[in-house]
Amino acid sequence: MKQYIKSFLLMLLVGCAFASCTDQFDEDGGQIVYPQTAPQGTWVSEYTPDTNHYTYEFTTSENGDCTFTMIAKDGSEEPRVSTNGVMTYDVKYGVAEIAFDAEHSALGQEMVLYVAYQDGAQRTACKLHMGGSALPSISFNAVQK
């Protein structure tokens, strides 16, 4: 009798293992699909190592011009606003690169903001790089407002 119970339990275990291996748990095929154009809206930083708070906004005007604005502020000074960022967007990876020239940068030097969209653009991972500067790059996460 013990042999029959052991055989039955072993067959049950093997049967469950095969059923688990053949089911498709990924309903979307495991592929992440990003929007064809960069999502528009306003995002606010959650945590930054330099204690600044960053807000960035991407909009399209009525005549079709794209506008990208970034505001950096801390408790001691007026907000620093960078405007007229030029954006390129990679649909395959869901990453936007926004370049600010020295004239439109709040710091008076070239800056590049990299934005990786996550969770349907509700969250982003960002990296701000100041070109030609000894200042380190700043990484932060932001959520849509």
Protein backbone atom coordinates (compact mmCIF):
# COMPACT_ATOMS: atom_id res chain seq x y z
CA MET A 1 0.00 0.00 0.00
CA LYS A 2 2.87 2.37 0.84
CA GLN A 3 4.31 1.83 -2.62
CA TYR A 4 1.02 2.87 -4.27
CA ILE A 5 0.77 6.03 -2.18
CA LYS A 6 4.39 6.98 -2.91
CA SER A 7 3.89 6.37 -6.63
CA PHE A 8 0.66 8.39 -6.63
CA LEU A 9 2.30 11.32 -4.80
CA LEU A 10 5.31 11.24 -7.14
CA MET A 11 3.06 11.25 -10.22
CA LEU A 12 1.03 14.11 -8.73
CA LEU A 13 4.20 16.12 -8.12
CA VAL A 14 5.52 15.49 -11.64
CA GLY A 15 2.12 16.35 -13.15
CA CYS A 16 1.95 19.65 -11.25
CA ALA A 17 5.49 20.51 -12.31
CA PHE A 18 4.69 19.94 -15.99
CA ALA A 19 1.47 21.98 -15.72
CA SER A 20 3.41 24.84 -14.13
CA CYS A 21 6.03 24.81 -16.87
CA THR A 22 3.53 24.95 -19.72
CA ASP A 23 1.21 27.72 -18.48
CA GLN A 24 1.80 31.19 -19.89
CA PHE A 25 1.84 33.48 -16.87
CA ASP A 26 3.00 36.52 -18.83
CA GLU A 27 -0.16 37.85 -20.41
CA ASP A 28 1.66 40.42 -22.56
CA GLY A 29 4.34 38.03 -23.78
CA GLY A 30 6.99 39.57 -21.53
CA GLN A 31 7.46 42.58 -23.79
CA ILE A 32 7.27 46.09 -22.43
CA VAL A 33 5.66 48.52 -24.82
CA TYR A 34 6.30 52.25 -24.45
CA PRO A 35 4.20 55.06 -25.95
CA GLN A 36 5.09 56.16 -29.49
CA THR A 37 5.68 59.73 -28.28
CA ALA A 38 7.09 60.97 -25.01
CA PRO A 39 4.34 61.26 -22.38
CA GLN A 40 3.33 64.81 -21.55
CA GLY A 41 2.73 66.09 -18.06
CA THR A 42 4.44 67.29 -14.90
CA TRP A 43 6.68 65.16 -12.68
CA VAL A 44 8.02 65.99 -9.20
CA SER A 45 11.12 64.48 -7.58
CA GLU A 46 10.65 62.10 -4.64
CA TYR A 47 14.19 61.98 -3.28
CA THR A 48 17.40 63.65 -4.33
CA PRO A 49 20.82 63.24 -2.75
CA ASP A 50 21.57 66.98 -3.07
CA THR A 51 18.38 68.03 -1.14
CA ASN A 52 17.09 70.00 -4.14
CA HIS A 53 13.57 69.44 -5.38
CA TYR A 54 13.13 69.07 -9.13
CA THR A 55 10.00 69.58 -11.16
CA TYR A 56 9.93 69.09 -14.89
CA GLU A 57 7.16 69.57 -17.38
CA PHE A 58 6.70 68.52 -20.99
CA THR A 59 3.90 70.10 -23.01
CA THR A 60 2.94 70.74 -26.61
CA SER A 61 1.53 74.12 -27.60
CA GLU A 62 -1.46 74.64 -29.89
CA ASN A 63 0.81 75.20 -32.90
CA GLY A 64 2.65 71.91 -32.25
CA ASP A 65 5.81 73.25 -30.59
CA CYS A 66 7.18 71.07 -27.80
CA THR A 67 8.21 72.79 -24.58
CA PHE A 68 10.30 71.25 -21.84
CA THR A 69 10.89 73.17 -18.61
CA MET A 70 12.78 72.10 -15.50
CA ILE A 71 12.68 73.88 -12.12
CA ALA A 72 15.23 73.17 -9.39
CA LYS A 73 14.80 74.66 -5.93
CA ASP A 74 16.07 74.30 -2.42
CA GLY A 75 15.10 76.14 0.74
CA SER A 76 17.64 78.95 0.57
CA GLU A 77 17.35 80.45 -2.91
CA GLU A 78 14.95 81.33 -5.67
CA PRO A 79 13.92 78.50 -8.01
CA ARG A 80 16.30 77.96 -10.91
CA VAL A 81 14.41 77.53 -14.15
CA SER A 82 15.81 75.89 -17.28
CA THR A 83 13.69 76.32 -20.41
CA ASN A 84 13.60 75.38 -24.08
CA GLY A 85 15.04 71.92 -23.59
CA VAL A 86 15.50 69.96 -26.82
CA MET A 87 14.16 66.44 -26.42
CA THR A 88 14.89 63.20 -28.24
CA TYR A 89 12.82 60.15 -27.33
CA ASP A 90 13.74 56.48 -27.87
CA VAL A 91 10.51 54.49 -28.27
CA LYS A 92 12.22 51.10 -27.94
CA TYR A 93 13.59 51.82 -24.45
CA GLY A 94 11.17 54.51 -23.22
CA VAL A 95 14.00 56.95 -22.52
CA ALA A 96 14.00 60.67 -23.25
CA GLU A 97 17.13 62.84 -23.46
CA ILE A 98 16.58 66.54 -22.89
CA ALA A 99 19.45 68.91 -23.67
CA PHE A 100 19.60 72.48 -22.36
CA ASP A 101 22.14 74.82 -23.91
CA ALA A 102 24.08 77.27 -21.70
CA GLU A 103 21.83 80.18 -22.67
CA HIS A 104 18.64 78.49 -21.44
CA SER A 105 20.14 76.59 -18.51
CA ALA A 106 19.61 77.83 -14.95
CA LEU A 107 23.27 77.12 -14.18
CA GLY A 108 24.64 78.97 -17.19
CA GLN A 109 26.19 75.80 -18.62
CA GLU A 110 25.02 72.92 -20.76
CA MET A 111 22.86 70.34 -19.00
CA VAL A 112 21.39 67.02 -20.10
CA LEU A 113 18.48 65.33 -18.34
CA TYR A 114 17.88 61.63 -19.03
CA VAL A 115 14.38 60.37 -18.20
CA ALA A 116 13.40 56.68 -18.19
CA TYR A 117 9.63 56.21 -18.05
CA GLN A 118 8.24 53.48 -15.77
CA ASP A 119 4.79 52.22 -14.73
CA GLY A 120 2.99 53.72 -17.71
CA ALA A 121 4.83 57.05 -17.22
CA GLN A 122 3.50 57.43 -13.67
CA ARG A 123 7.07 57.19 -12.37
CA THR A 124 10.41 58.09 -13.89
CA ALA A 125 14.06 57.51 -13.13
CA CYS A 126 16.12 60.61 -13.94
CA LYS A 127 19.77 61.53 -14.25
CA LEU A 128 20.87 65.14 -14.56
CA HIS A 129 24.32 65.71 -16.01
CA MET A 130 25.97 69.12 -16.03
CA GLY A 131 28.30 69.33 -19.04
CA GLY A 132 31.78 70.77 -18.64
CA SER A 133 31.45 70.84 -14.87
CA ALA A 134 33.21 69.30 -11.93
CA LEU A 135 29.78 68.85 -10.34
CA PRO A 136 28.70 65.21 -10.16
CA SER A 137 25.66 63.88 -11.99
CA ILE A 138 22.48 63.80 -9.93
CA SER A 139 20.10 60.84 -10.00
CA PHE A 140 16.54 60.99 -8.68
CA ASN A 141 13.12 59.42 -9.06
CA ALA A 142 10.06 61.46 -9.91
CA VAL A 143 6.31 60.82 -9.86
CA GLN A 144 3.66 62.31 -12.09
CA LYS A 145 1.75 65.17 -10.52
